[in-house]
Amino acid sequence: MAEAPTTCKQAFEMMPGRFNKDAAKGLNAVYQFDLSGDGGGKWHVAIKDEQCEVKEGAHPSPSIT
């Protein structure tokens, strides 16, 4: 069993490895996360063509924030 993330950054870094491409069929969206507090930050998750890409920072035109 994989270890649970202990920081926001670790949680976002783990997302592509836990992505369920079958559940994402037909989905084309960018999710922007703006997290405050200790260890917070900005990340965006792009889901397209059954792929999940996570990047640190703000996306210029997310589907949802």
Protein backbone atom coordinates (compact mmCIF):
# COMPACT_ATOMS: atom_id res chain seq x y z
CA MET A 1 0.00 0.00 0.00
CA ALA A 2 1.32 3.46 -0.91
CA GLU A 3 2.08 5.93 1.83
CA ALA A 4 -0.38 8.73 2.43
CA PRO A 5 0.84 12.19 1.42
CA THR A 6 1.84 14.48 4.27
CA THR A 7 1.90 17.75 2.30
CA CYS A 8 -0.26 19.35 -0.39
CA LYS A 9 2.64 19.13 -2.81
CA GLN A 10 2.99 15.38 -2.21
CA ALA A 11 -0.75 14.89 -2.74
CA PHE A 12 -0.63 16.64 -6.12
CA GLU A 13 2.51 14.78 -7.16
CA MET A 14 0.75 11.47 -6.45
CA MET A 15 -2.38 12.25 -8.49
CA PRO A 16 -1.18 11.05 -11.93
CA GLY A 17 -0.18 7.68 -10.48
CA ARG A 18 -3.60 7.19 -8.93
CA PHE A 19 -5.58 8.52 -11.90
CA ASN A 20 -8.39 6.28 -13.16
CA LYS A 21 -8.44 6.87 -16.92
CA ASP A 22 -11.54 4.71 -17.40
CA ALA A 23 -13.53 6.98 -15.08
CA ALA A 24 -12.29 10.05 -16.99
CA LYS A 25 -13.40 8.99 -20.48
CA GLY A 26 -14.68 12.00 -22.37
CA LEU A 27 -13.60 14.47 -19.69
CA ASN A 28 -11.73 17.58 -20.79
CA ALA A 29 -11.23 19.96 -17.88
CA VAL A 30 -8.66 21.96 -15.93
CA TYR A 31 -9.10 22.17 -12.16
CA GLN A 32 -7.33 25.04 -10.41
CA PHE A 33 -6.50 24.64 -6.72
CA ASP A 34 -5.57 27.77 -4.72
CA LEU A 35 -4.77 26.53 -1.22
CA SER A 36 -3.99 28.84 1.69
CA GLY A 37 -2.22 28.15 4.96
CA ASP A 38 1.05 26.44 5.77
CA GLY A 39 2.14 24.25 2.88
CA GLY A 40 -0.53 25.72 0.60
CA GLY A 41 0.05 26.96 -2.91
CA LYS A 42 -1.37 26.86 -6.40
CA TRP A 43 -1.63 23.79 -8.58
CA HIS A 44 -3.70 22.85 -11.60
CA VAL A 45 -4.79 19.45 -12.80
CA ALA A 46 -5.53 19.03 -16.50
CA ILE A 47 -7.55 16.01 -17.59
CA LYS A 48 -7.80 15.36 -21.32
CA ASP A 49 -7.67 12.31 -23.59
CA GLU A 50 -7.73 10.00 -20.56
CA GLN A 51 -4.52 11.59 -19.25
CA CYS A 52 -3.88 13.51 -16.03
CA GLU A 53 -1.25 16.22 -15.88
CA VAL A 54 -0.46 18.11 -12.68
CA LYS A 55 1.55 21.33 -12.62
CA GLU A 56 2.41 23.73 -9.87
CA GLY A 57 1.16 27.28 -10.42
CA ALA A 58 -1.89 28.94 -11.88
CA HIS A 59 -3.45 27.93 -15.19
CA PRO A 60 -4.43 30.84 -17.48
CA SER A 61 -7.97 29.58 -18.11
CA PRO A 62 -9.12 26.79 -15.76
CA SER A 63 -12.55 25.17 -16.09
CA ILE A 64 -13.12 25.52 -12.35
CA THR A 65 -11.25 27.03 -9.39
